[in-house]
Protein backbone atom coordinates (compact mmCIF):
# COMPACT_ATOMS: atom_id res chain seq x y z
CA MET A 1 -8.69 -46.27 24.17
CA TRP A 2 -6.25 -43.39 23.74
CA TYR A 3 -6.37 -44.02 19.97
CA LYS A 4 -10.03 -42.93 19.81
CA TRP A 5 -9.28 -39.71 21.66
CA ALA A 6 -6.26 -38.94 19.49
CA LYS A 7 -8.30 -39.59 16.37
CA ARG A 8 -11.10 -37.29 17.59
CA LEU A 9 -8.60 -34.60 18.53
CA VAL A 10 -6.92 -34.66 15.11
CA ALA A 11 -10.33 -34.60 13.39
CA GLY A 12 -11.44 -31.68 15.57
CA ILE A 13 -8.31 -29.70 14.80
CA GLY A 14 -8.73 -30.41 11.09
CA ILE A 15 -12.35 -29.25 11.14
CA PHE A 16 -11.36 -26.11 13.06
CA ILE A 17 -8.64 -25.24 10.54
CA ALA A 18 -10.99 -25.86 7.60
CA LEU A 19 -13.62 -23.67 9.27
CA MET A 20 -11.13 -20.83 9.76
CA PHE A 21 -10.09 -21.00 6.09
CA GLY A 22 -13.74 -20.96 5.06
CA ILE A 23 -14.53 -17.94 7.23
CA ALA A 24 -11.47 -16.07 5.93
CA ALA A 25 -12.44 -16.80 2.32
CA LEU A 26 -16.02 -15.66 3.01
CA ILE A 27 -14.89 -12.39 4.60
CA ILE A 28 -12.53 -11.68 1.70
CA ASN A 29 -15.30 -12.34 -0.83
CA LEU A 30 -17.76 -10.12 1.05
CA TYR A 31 -15.40 -7.17 1.46
CA GLU A 32 -13.29 -7.59 -1.68
CA ASP A 33 -14.49 -4.40 -3.42
CA GLU A 34 -14.02 -2.25 -0.31
CA ILE A 35 -10.51 -3.63 0.24
CA LYS A 36 -9.53 -2.93 -3.37
CA GLN A 37 -10.92 0.61 -3.26
CA TYR A 38 -9.15 1.31 0.03
CA ALA A 39 -5.82 0.01 -1.34
CA VAL A 40 -5.97 2.25 -4.42
CA GLU A 41 -6.97 5.29 -2.32
CA GLU A 42 -4.08 4.73 0.09
CA LEU A 43 -1.68 4.20 -2.79
CA ASN A 44 -2.78 7.49 -4.37
CA LYS A 45 -2.32 9.28 -1.02
CA THR A 46 1.23 7.97 -0.71
CA LEU A 47 2.50 8.51 -4.25
CA ALA A 48 3.14 11.88 -5.89
CA VAL A 49 1.41 10.84 -9.12
CA PRO A 50 -2.07 9.34 -9.49
CA VAL A 51 -2.43 5.62 -10.09
CA ALA A 52 -5.22 4.01 -12.09
CA VAL A 53 -5.83 0.28 -11.82
CA GLU A 54 -8.00 -1.52 -14.32
CA GLU A 55 -7.70 -4.96 -12.75
CA LEU A 56 -6.91 -5.62 -9.12
CA GLU A 57 -6.96 -9.13 -7.71
CA LEU A 58 -7.15 -9.91 -4.00
CA THR A 59 -5.66 -13.30 -3.12
CA LEU A 60 -5.45 -15.07 0.18
CA PHE A 61 -3.66 -18.26 -0.75
CA SER A 62 -0.95 -17.28 -3.27
CA GLN A 63 1.22 -15.62 -0.58
CA PHE A 64 -0.10 -17.63 2.37
CA PRO A 65 -0.49 -16.71 5.24
CA SER A 66 -0.59 -13.08 4.07
CA ALA A 67 -3.33 -11.72 1.87
CA SER A 68 -1.94 -10.01 -1.20
CA LEU A 69 -3.04 -7.67 -3.95
CA ARG A 70 -2.07 -8.36 -7.55
CA PHE A 71 -2.18 -5.26 -9.74
CA ASN A 72 -2.91 -5.95 -13.42
CA LYS A 73 -3.19 -3.22 -16.06
CA LEU A 74 -1.75 -0.53 -13.81
CA PHE A 75 -1.32 3.01 -15.14
CA VAL A 76 0.97 5.50 -13.43
CA SER A 77 1.01 9.02 -14.85
CA ASP A 78 4.41 10.55 -15.50
CA THR A 79 3.46 14.12 -14.58
CA PRO A 80 3.43 14.84 -10.85
CA ILE A 81 0.57 16.75 -9.27
CA VAL A 82 1.60 19.97 -7.58
CA ILE A 83 0.02 20.25 -4.13
CA ARG A 84 -0.07 23.73 -2.65
């Protein structure tokens, strides 16, 4: 009798975890462009020189459980901008 309940509990937990992964992947796919744009804007605010990124990849599973940004074809200018 307890075996049925344990089996249902494990199945329920597995479905819940799969659902959470699915929702996280959906949210990342929906807001991927906004997240990338925000990351580059914040990076340019922080650094003294402008940064241009040709390819930016947002990954959820490569550095699990943290989402990560992978910068490919990154260009950093060598002349600082003078802010007055």
